[in-house]
Each structure stands twice: as C-alpha cells, then as structure tokens.
N, C-alpha and C. Protein backbone atom coordinates (compact mmCIF):
# COMPACT_ATOMS: atom_id res chain seq x y z
N MET A 1 -51.10 199.18 44.48
CA MET A 1 -50.56 197.91 44.93
C MET A 1 -49.05 198.06 45.00
N THR A 2 -48.51 197.66 46.10
CA THR A 2 -47.07 197.76 46.27
C THR A 2 -46.43 196.39 46.19
N ASN A 3 -45.19 196.40 45.81
CA ASN A 3 -44.43 195.15 45.69
C ASN A 3 -43.89 194.79 47.07
N GLY A 4 -44.25 193.63 47.60
CA GLY A 4 -43.79 193.24 48.93
C GLY A 4 -42.35 192.76 48.88
N ARG A 5 -41.45 193.53 49.51
CA ARG A 5 -40.04 193.15 49.53
C ARG A 5 -39.61 193.02 50.96
N SER A 6 -38.64 192.20 51.20
CA SER A 6 -38.19 191.99 52.57
C SER A 6 -37.31 193.14 53.02
N ARG A 7 -36.97 193.15 54.28
CA ARG A 7 -36.13 194.20 54.86
C ARG A 7 -34.70 194.12 54.32
N GLN A 8 -34.32 193.00 53.76
CA GLN A 8 -32.97 192.84 53.20
C GLN A 8 -32.73 193.86 52.08
N PHE A 9 -33.78 194.19 51.36
CA PHE A 9 -33.65 195.11 50.24
C PHE A 9 -34.09 196.53 50.60
N GLY A 10 -34.14 196.85 51.85
CA GLY A 10 -34.45 198.21 52.26
C GLY A 10 -35.92 198.49 52.45
N ASP A 11 -36.77 197.49 52.30
CA ASP A 11 -38.20 197.62 52.51
C ASP A 11 -38.79 198.77 51.70
N SER A 12 -38.30 198.96 50.50
CA SER A 12 -38.86 199.99 49.64
C SER A 12 -39.40 199.33 48.39
N SER A 13 -40.44 199.91 47.89
CA SER A 13 -41.07 199.36 46.70
C SER A 13 -40.47 199.98 45.46
N ARG A 14 -40.35 199.18 44.45
CA ARG A 14 -39.82 199.67 43.19
C ARG A 14 -40.85 200.54 42.48
N TYR A 15 -42.13 200.25 42.68
CA TYR A 15 -43.17 200.92 41.93
C TYR A 15 -43.91 201.96 42.75
N ALA A 16 -43.63 202.06 44.02
CA ALA A 16 -44.32 203.05 44.86
C ALA A 16 -43.69 204.42 44.66
N GLY A 17 -44.32 205.39 45.18
CA GLY A 17 -43.81 206.75 45.07
C GLY A 17 -42.58 206.95 45.95
N PRO A 18 -42.08 208.18 46.00
CA PRO A 18 -40.90 208.45 46.81
C PRO A 18 -41.17 208.21 48.28
N SER A 19 -40.25 207.51 48.90
CA SER A 19 -40.38 207.16 50.31
C SER A 19 -39.75 208.24 51.17
N GLN A 20 -40.19 208.33 52.40
CA GLN A 20 -39.61 209.29 53.33
C GLN A 20 -38.28 208.78 53.87
N ASN A 21 -38.05 207.45 53.85
CA ASN A 21 -36.82 206.88 54.39
C ASN A 21 -35.64 207.08 53.44
N ARG A 22 -35.91 207.06 52.14
CA ARG A 22 -34.83 207.14 51.16
C ARG A 22 -34.49 208.59 50.87
N PRO A 23 -33.21 208.98 51.02
CA PRO A 23 -32.86 210.37 50.74
C PRO A 23 -32.88 210.65 49.25
N SER A 24 -33.30 211.83 48.91
CA SER A 24 -33.34 212.22 47.51
C SER A 24 -31.94 212.70 47.11
N PRO A 25 -31.66 212.69 45.81
CA PRO A 25 -30.34 213.13 45.36
C PRO A 25 -30.05 214.58 45.72
N SER A 26 -31.09 215.43 45.81
CA SER A 26 -30.85 216.82 46.15
C SER A 26 -30.35 216.95 47.58
N ARG A 27 -30.88 216.13 48.50
CA ARG A 27 -30.41 216.19 49.89
C ARG A 27 -29.00 215.62 50.02
N LEU A 28 -28.66 214.65 49.20
CA LEU A 28 -27.32 214.06 49.27
C LEU A 28 -26.28 215.03 48.73
N SER A 29 -26.63 215.79 47.72
CA SER A 29 -25.65 216.69 47.13
C SER A 29 -25.31 217.83 48.07
N GLU A 30 -26.15 218.07 49.09
CA GLU A 30 -25.82 219.08 50.07
C GLU A 30 -24.64 218.64 50.92
N ASN A 31 -24.56 217.34 51.20
CA ASN A 31 -23.51 216.81 52.06
C ASN A 31 -22.21 216.55 51.29
N ILE A 32 -22.30 216.24 50.02
CA ILE A 32 -21.13 215.87 49.22
C ILE A 32 -20.90 216.95 48.19
N ASN A 33 -19.66 217.35 48.02
CA ASN A 33 -19.33 218.35 47.01
C ASN A 33 -19.29 217.69 45.65
N VAL A 34 -20.35 217.87 44.89
CA VAL A 34 -20.47 217.23 43.58
C VAL A 34 -20.85 218.30 42.58
N SER A 35 -20.31 218.19 41.39
CA SER A 35 -20.66 219.15 40.36
C SER A 35 -22.11 218.95 39.96
N PRO A 36 -22.78 220.01 39.49
CA PRO A 36 -24.20 219.86 39.15
C PRO A 36 -24.44 218.95 37.96
N VAL A 37 -23.40 218.67 37.17
CA VAL A 37 -23.57 217.83 36.01
C VAL A 37 -23.17 216.39 36.31
N ALA A 38 -22.89 216.06 37.55
CA ALA A 38 -22.42 214.74 37.91
C ALA A 38 -23.51 213.70 37.73
N SER A 39 -23.09 212.46 37.62
CA SER A 39 -24.04 211.38 37.44
C SER A 39 -24.73 211.05 38.76
N ARG A 40 -25.75 210.22 38.66
CA ARG A 40 -26.50 209.85 39.86
C ARG A 40 -25.60 209.07 40.82
N ALA A 41 -24.70 208.22 40.31
CA ALA A 41 -23.80 207.47 41.18
C ALA A 41 -22.88 208.41 41.95
N SER A 42 -22.42 209.47 41.29
CA SER A 42 -21.56 210.43 41.97
C SER A 42 -22.34 211.22 43.01
N GLN A 43 -23.60 211.53 42.69
CA GLN A 43 -24.42 212.26 43.65
C GLN A 43 -24.70 211.43 44.89
N LEU A 44 -24.80 210.12 44.71
CA LEU A 44 -25.04 209.25 45.85
C LEU A 44 -23.75 208.91 46.59
N GLY A 45 -22.63 209.40 46.10
CA GLY A 45 -21.37 209.13 46.76
C GLY A 45 -20.75 207.81 46.38
N LEU A 46 -21.15 207.25 45.24
CA LEU A 46 -20.63 205.94 44.81
C LEU A 46 -19.72 206.07 43.62
N GLY A 47 -19.19 207.24 43.37
CA GLY A 47 -18.39 207.46 42.18
C GLY A 47 -17.08 206.71 42.20
N LEU A 48 -16.41 206.70 41.07
CA LEU A 48 -15.13 206.05 40.95
C LEU A 48 -14.02 207.05 41.19
N GLY A 49 -12.87 206.58 41.55
CA GLY A 49 -11.73 207.46 41.74
C GLY A 49 -11.27 207.49 43.17
N LYS A 50 -10.19 208.22 43.41
CA LYS A 50 -9.57 208.22 44.73
C LYS A 50 -10.41 208.94 45.76
N GLY A 51 -11.06 210.04 45.39
CA GLY A 51 -11.77 210.84 46.37
C GLY A 51 -13.20 210.42 46.59
N ALA A 52 -13.64 209.39 45.90
CA ALA A 52 -15.03 209.00 46.01
C ALA A 52 -15.29 208.35 47.34
N GLY A 53 -16.36 208.75 47.96
CA GLY A 53 -16.75 208.15 49.24
C GLY A 53 -17.60 206.94 48.99
N GLY A 54 -17.03 205.83 48.60
CA GLY A 54 -17.77 204.64 48.24
C GLY A 54 -18.27 203.87 49.43
N LEU A 55 -18.83 202.73 49.18
CA LEU A 55 -19.37 201.89 50.24
C LEU A 55 -18.25 201.31 51.09
N GLY A 56 -18.50 201.12 52.35
CA GLY A 56 -17.54 200.49 53.25
C GLY A 56 -16.42 201.40 53.66
N ARG A 57 -16.57 202.70 53.48
CA ARG A 57 -15.49 203.62 53.79
C ARG A 57 -15.57 204.15 55.22
N GLY A 58 -16.68 203.96 55.88
CA GLY A 58 -16.80 204.46 57.24
C GLY A 58 -17.12 205.95 57.26
N VAL A 59 -17.15 206.50 58.44
CA VAL A 59 -17.52 207.91 58.60
C VAL A 59 -16.42 208.82 58.08
N ALA A 60 -15.16 208.49 58.36
CA ALA A 60 -14.07 209.37 57.99
C ALA A 60 -13.70 209.25 56.51
N GLY A 61 -14.21 208.24 55.83
CA GLY A 61 -13.89 208.07 54.43
C GLY A 61 -12.51 207.47 54.21
N GLY A 62 -11.98 206.79 55.21
CA GLY A 62 -10.65 206.19 55.12
C GLY A 62 -10.71 204.85 54.41
N LYS A 63 -9.82 203.98 54.79
CA LYS A 63 -9.79 202.66 54.16
C LYS A 63 -10.94 201.80 54.69
N GLY A 64 -11.59 201.13 53.81
CA GLY A 64 -12.72 200.30 54.20
C GLY A 64 -12.27 198.89 54.53
N LYS A 65 -13.24 197.99 54.57
CA LYS A 65 -12.96 196.60 54.92
C LYS A 65 -12.73 195.72 53.70
N GLY A 66 -12.84 196.28 52.52
CA GLY A 66 -12.72 195.47 51.31
C GLY A 66 -11.30 195.00 51.07
N LEU A 67 -11.17 194.08 50.15
CA LEU A 67 -9.86 193.49 49.86
C LEU A 67 -9.20 194.11 48.65
N GLY A 68 -9.92 194.91 47.89
CA GLY A 68 -9.35 195.48 46.68
C GLY A 68 -8.43 196.66 46.96
N LYS A 69 -7.73 197.10 45.96
CA LYS A 69 -6.83 198.25 46.00
C LYS A 69 -5.71 198.09 47.02
N GLY A 70 -5.35 196.88 47.34
CA GLY A 70 -4.23 196.65 48.25
C GLY A 70 -2.94 196.65 47.47
N SER A 71 -1.86 196.35 48.15
CA SER A 71 -0.58 196.29 47.46
C SER A 71 -0.55 195.05 46.57
N LEU A 72 0.20 195.15 45.50
CA LEU A 72 0.26 194.05 44.55
C LEU A 72 1.07 192.89 45.12
N LYS A 73 0.60 191.71 44.91
CA LYS A 73 1.29 190.51 45.37
C LYS A 73 1.88 189.80 44.17
N ARG A 74 3.14 189.45 44.28
CA ARG A 74 3.78 188.72 43.20
C ARG A 74 3.66 187.23 43.44
N HIS A 75 3.58 186.48 42.35
CA HIS A 75 3.52 185.03 42.48
C HIS A 75 4.90 184.51 42.88
N MET A 76 4.93 183.64 43.86
CA MET A 76 6.20 183.05 44.29
C MET A 76 6.57 181.96 43.30
N LYS A 77 7.79 182.00 42.80
CA LYS A 77 8.25 180.98 41.88
C LYS A 77 8.65 179.74 42.67
N ILE A 78 8.13 178.62 42.26
CA ILE A 78 8.43 177.37 42.93
C ILE A 78 9.79 176.89 42.45
N GLN A 79 10.69 176.68 43.40
CA GLN A 79 12.03 176.21 43.05
C GLN A 79 11.98 174.72 42.74
N ARG A 80 12.50 174.34 41.62
CA ARG A 80 12.58 172.92 41.27
C ARG A 80 13.86 172.70 40.48
N ASP A 81 14.25 171.45 40.38
CA ASP A 81 15.49 171.12 39.72
C ASP A 81 15.34 171.35 38.22
N ASN A 82 16.38 171.90 37.61
CA ASN A 82 16.32 172.22 36.19
C ASN A 82 16.28 170.99 35.31
N ILE A 83 16.60 169.85 35.84
CA ILE A 83 16.59 168.63 35.03
C ILE A 83 15.17 168.29 34.60
N TYR A 84 14.16 168.82 35.31
CA TYR A 84 12.78 168.58 34.91
C TYR A 84 12.39 169.41 33.69
N GLY A 85 13.32 170.25 33.21
CA GLY A 85 13.12 170.90 31.92
C GLY A 85 13.20 169.91 30.77
N VAL A 86 13.86 168.77 31.02
CA VAL A 86 13.85 167.67 30.05
C VAL A 86 12.53 166.94 30.27
N THR A 87 11.61 167.17 29.39
CA THR A 87 10.25 166.69 29.61
C THR A 87 10.09 165.23 29.23
N LYS A 88 8.93 164.73 29.57
CA LYS A 88 8.59 163.34 29.25
C LYS A 88 8.61 163.11 27.74
N GLY A 89 8.12 164.12 27.00
CA GLY A 89 8.12 164.01 25.54
C GLY A 89 9.53 163.99 24.96
N ASP A 90 10.44 164.77 25.58
CA ASP A 90 11.83 164.76 25.11
C ASP A 90 12.46 163.39 25.28
N ILE A 91 12.25 162.80 26.45
CA ILE A 91 12.80 161.46 26.72
C ILE A 91 12.19 160.44 25.78
N ARG A 92 10.89 160.59 25.53
CA ARG A 92 10.22 159.66 24.63
C ARG A 92 10.77 159.77 23.20
N ARG A 93 11.06 161.01 22.75
CA ARG A 93 11.63 161.18 21.40
C ARG A 93 13.02 160.59 21.29
N LEU A 94 13.84 160.77 22.36
CA LEU A 94 15.17 160.16 22.35
C LEU A 94 15.08 158.64 22.30
N ALA A 95 14.13 158.08 23.05
CA ALA A 95 13.96 156.62 23.05
C ALA A 95 13.50 156.12 21.68
N ARG A 96 12.60 156.87 21.05
CA ARG A 96 12.14 156.48 19.72
C ARG A 96 13.30 156.49 18.72
N ARG A 97 14.19 157.47 18.84
CA ARG A 97 15.34 157.52 17.95
C ARG A 97 16.26 156.33 18.19
N GLY A 98 16.30 155.87 19.44
CA GLY A 98 17.12 154.70 19.76
C GLY A 98 16.44 153.38 19.46
N GLY A 99 15.20 153.40 18.99
CA GLY A 99 14.52 152.17 18.60
C GLY A 99 13.64 151.57 19.68
N VAL A 100 13.35 152.30 20.74
CA VAL A 100 12.51 151.80 21.82
C VAL A 100 11.05 151.97 21.43
N LYS A 101 10.27 150.90 21.63
CA LYS A 101 8.88 150.94 21.21
C LYS A 101 7.94 151.35 22.34
N ARG A 102 8.22 150.85 23.55
CA ARG A 102 7.33 151.10 24.68
C ARG A 102 8.16 151.48 25.90
N ILE A 103 7.68 152.49 26.68
CA ILE A 103 8.46 153.02 27.79
C ILE A 103 7.64 152.91 29.07
N SER A 104 8.26 152.39 30.12
CA SER A 104 7.61 152.31 31.42
C SER A 104 7.52 153.70 32.05
N ALA A 105 6.50 153.91 32.87
CA ALA A 105 6.29 155.23 33.48
C ALA A 105 7.37 155.56 34.51
N THR A 106 7.98 154.54 35.10
CA THR A 106 9.01 154.79 36.11
C THR A 106 10.38 155.07 35.50
N LEU A 107 10.48 154.96 34.19
CA LEU A 107 11.76 155.12 33.52
C LEU A 107 12.20 156.58 33.41
N TYR A 108 11.25 157.50 33.37
CA TYR A 108 11.57 158.90 33.07
C TYR A 108 12.49 159.52 34.13
N ASP A 109 12.20 159.27 35.41
CA ASP A 109 13.06 159.83 36.46
C ASP A 109 14.45 159.21 36.43
N ASP A 110 14.54 157.91 36.10
CA ASP A 110 15.85 157.27 36.00
C ASP A 110 16.67 157.86 34.85
N VAL A 111 16.01 158.14 33.73
CA VAL A 111 16.71 158.74 32.58
C VAL A 111 17.18 160.14 32.93
N ARG A 112 16.32 160.91 33.63
CA ARG A 112 16.73 162.27 34.05
C ARG A 112 17.94 162.22 34.98
N GLN A 113 17.95 161.27 35.90
CA GLN A 113 19.06 161.15 36.84
C GLN A 113 20.36 160.77 36.11
N ALA A 114 20.27 159.82 35.18
CA ALA A 114 21.46 159.42 34.41
C ALA A 114 21.96 160.57 33.55
N LEU A 115 21.05 161.32 32.96
CA LEU A 115 21.43 162.46 32.14
C LEU A 115 22.12 163.54 32.98
N LYS A 116 21.59 163.76 34.17
CA LYS A 116 22.17 164.77 35.06
C LYS A 116 23.59 164.40 35.48
N GLU A 117 23.78 163.12 35.83
CA GLU A 117 25.12 162.67 36.25
C GLU A 117 26.12 162.78 35.10
N ARG A 118 25.69 162.40 33.90
CA ARG A 118 26.61 162.47 32.75
C ARG A 118 26.97 163.91 32.41
N LEU A 119 25.97 164.79 32.45
CA LEU A 119 26.24 166.20 32.16
C LEU A 119 27.14 166.84 33.21
N GLN A 120 26.99 166.43 34.47
CA GLN A 120 27.85 166.99 35.53
C GLN A 120 29.31 166.65 35.28
N VAL A 121 29.59 165.41 34.88
CA VAL A 121 30.96 165.00 34.62
C VAL A 121 31.53 165.76 33.42
N ILE A 122 30.75 165.86 32.35
CA ILE A 122 31.22 166.55 31.14
C ILE A 122 31.43 168.02 31.41
N LEU A 123 30.49 168.66 32.10
CA LEU A 123 30.61 170.09 32.36
C LEU A 123 31.73 170.41 33.35
N ARG A 124 32.03 169.49 34.23
CA ARG A 124 33.15 169.70 35.16
C ARG A 124 34.47 169.77 34.36
N ASP A 125 34.62 168.87 33.37
CA ASP A 125 35.82 168.90 32.54
C ASP A 125 35.88 170.17 31.68
N ILE A 126 34.72 170.59 31.17
CA ILE A 126 34.68 171.81 30.35
C ILE A 126 35.04 173.03 31.20
N CYS A 127 34.57 173.08 32.44
CA CYS A 127 34.91 174.21 33.32
C CYS A 127 36.40 174.23 33.63
N ALA A 128 37.01 173.04 33.75
CA ALA A 128 38.46 172.99 33.98
C ALA A 128 39.22 173.55 32.78
N ILE A 129 38.74 173.25 31.58
CA ILE A 129 39.37 173.78 30.37
C ILE A 129 39.23 175.31 30.33
N LEU A 130 38.06 175.81 30.67
CA LEU A 130 37.84 177.26 30.65
C LEU A 130 38.70 177.97 31.70
N ASP A 131 38.85 177.36 32.87
CA ASP A 131 39.68 177.97 33.92
C ASP A 131 41.14 178.03 33.49
N SER A 132 41.60 176.97 32.85
CA SER A 132 43.01 176.94 32.46
C SER A 132 43.31 177.90 31.31
N SER A 133 42.31 178.12 30.45
CA SER A 133 42.55 179.02 29.32
C SER A 133 42.17 180.46 29.63
N GLY A 134 41.55 180.72 30.77
CA GLY A 134 41.19 182.07 31.16
C GLY A 134 40.00 182.65 30.41
N ARG A 135 39.12 181.79 29.93
CA ARG A 135 37.93 182.25 29.21
C ARG A 135 36.69 182.02 30.06
N LYS A 136 35.59 182.64 29.63
CA LYS A 136 34.31 182.44 30.33
C LYS A 136 33.23 181.88 29.42
N THR A 137 33.50 181.77 28.14
CA THR A 137 32.51 181.31 27.17
C THR A 137 32.88 179.92 26.67
N VAL A 138 31.90 179.02 26.70
CA VAL A 138 32.11 177.65 26.23
C VAL A 138 31.96 177.65 24.71
N SER A 139 32.91 177.06 24.02
CA SER A 139 32.83 176.96 22.56
C SER A 139 32.60 175.50 22.17
N VAL A 140 32.30 175.29 20.91
CA VAL A 140 32.04 173.94 20.41
C VAL A 140 33.31 173.09 20.53
N THR A 141 34.45 173.71 20.32
CA THR A 141 35.70 172.95 20.38
C THR A 141 35.96 172.43 21.79
N ASP A 142 35.51 173.17 22.82
CA ASP A 142 35.66 172.69 24.20
C ASP A 142 34.85 171.42 24.43
N VAL A 143 33.64 171.41 23.93
CA VAL A 143 32.77 170.23 24.10
C VAL A 143 33.32 169.04 23.33
N VAL A 144 33.76 169.28 22.09
CA VAL A 144 34.30 168.19 21.26
C VAL A 144 35.57 167.63 21.90
N PHE A 145 36.43 168.51 22.39
CA PHE A 145 37.68 168.08 23.02
C PHE A 145 37.40 167.24 24.28
N THR A 146 36.46 167.69 25.09
CA THR A 146 36.13 166.97 26.33
C THR A 146 35.54 165.60 26.03
N LEU A 147 34.63 165.52 25.07
CA LEU A 147 34.02 164.23 24.75
C LEU A 147 35.03 163.27 24.13
N ARG A 148 35.94 163.80 23.31
CA ARG A 148 36.98 162.94 22.73
C ARG A 148 37.93 162.44 23.82
N ARG A 149 38.24 163.32 24.78
CA ARG A 149 39.13 162.95 25.88
C ARG A 149 38.50 161.86 26.76
N ARG A 150 37.18 161.90 26.91
CA ARG A 150 36.48 160.89 27.71
C ARG A 150 36.24 159.59 26.95
N GLY A 151 36.51 159.59 25.66
CA GLY A 151 36.34 158.36 24.88
C GLY A 151 34.99 158.26 24.20
N ASN A 152 34.24 159.34 24.12
CA ASN A 152 32.94 159.37 23.44
C ASN A 152 32.93 160.47 22.38
N PRO A 153 33.66 160.28 21.30
CA PRO A 153 33.75 161.38 20.33
C PRO A 153 32.43 161.60 19.59
N ILE A 154 32.23 162.83 19.16
CA ILE A 154 31.08 163.16 18.32
C ILE A 154 31.55 163.01 16.87
N TYR A 155 30.79 162.28 16.09
CA TYR A 155 31.16 162.08 14.69
C TYR A 155 30.94 163.37 13.92
N GLY A 156 31.81 163.63 12.97
CA GLY A 156 31.69 164.81 12.12
C GLY A 156 32.68 165.90 12.47
N PHE A 157 33.43 165.73 13.56
CA PHE A 157 34.45 166.70 13.94
C PHE A 157 35.80 166.01 13.86
N ASP A 158 36.59 166.36 12.84
CA ASP A 158 37.90 165.73 12.69
C ASP A 158 38.93 166.44 13.56
N SER A 159 40.14 165.91 13.57
CA SER A 159 41.18 166.47 14.43
C SER A 159 41.61 167.86 13.97
N ALA A 160 41.43 168.19 12.71
CA ALA A 160 41.79 169.52 12.21
C ALA A 160 40.88 170.59 12.83
N PHE A 161 39.67 170.20 13.18
CA PHE A 161 38.73 171.13 13.79
C PHE A 161 39.19 171.53 15.19
N LEU A 162 39.81 170.57 15.90
CA LEU A 162 40.25 170.84 17.26
C LEU A 162 41.48 171.72 17.33
N THR A 163 42.28 171.73 16.28
CA THR A 163 43.52 172.49 16.33
C THR A 163 43.30 173.99 16.15
N GLN A 164 42.20 174.40 15.53
CA GLN A 164 41.96 175.83 15.33
C GLN A 164 41.26 176.40 16.57
N ARG A 165 42.02 177.02 17.45
CA ARG A 165 41.46 177.63 18.66
C ARG A 165 41.67 179.07 18.65
C-alpha cells in the first residue's frame, strides 16, 4: 500500500521503495565534488557555506532569487527635535514638585515650547560669555552668572562663588 501524495510533494511515497525518478546519493556525488564522509545534505548539494550549490542557485550556481545574504541595511534614524527628550514623566514630576495635582494632555507640548524658549535665551548669554573669555567649556559659574544677570538667581551660590574664576 502506498501513501497517496499530490504532485506538489514530488509524487513519491514515503513508505515505497526507491523510485526511478528520484536520484540516489551515489549518482549525485558523481556530479558534485563531495568528500566521501560528507553528510547527506552535502551530497544532495544543499550544504552550508559559500561554495554550496543550494536551492535557487540556477545552472551556473550564481546568485539566486532569495533575499538573504544581501548587503546589510542600517536603520535610518528619525530626526526629531531634542526637546522631546524631556518626557511626559519629566514634566509631570516638575509639576508635582510645584504642587500641581492634575495635568491636561495638551499641556505637555506647551511646557516643552516654553522650556525651549527659556533655554535658548539662557544659552545664548552663556555662549556670549564663552566667546568673550575664549573658552569652549561651560562651567557652573557661567550658568550662575547668567541667571543672576537675568534676574533669576539660583539659591545657594553667593557672590564669593562668582569671583573665583
């Protein structure tokens, strides 16, 4: 009794004897240079590696139609404004420190915009200080001096701290 299989699977029975249509491994090894100790996959030409004549390689054994082994593709980084690094949780924590109990969903973008504008003004003054002093590194005294000059001093930094440069 043979197992009835469709033509999709090669019309060969799993339990029947050797078919005349299916080549034996000995006949395949005549066509392919394979060591006598090679595995059955290598004897059938399905081995791994660069020289293996795998499926979809065509007659010449060149590049097949598959999608694998192509050049590596890098993920494109999506450009976005750095102000979105200030997350919703960060804004929520600042509001909690200020005594806010409930926050509207539309507030977060407004807070980011206000923060960006304030930082631009402060950093513009700090860059002017760095240009005039010929330095490239921002120090704590530059930030304290700029905020005091703008009328928003940081508590804990006395005037003696500003004089040591």
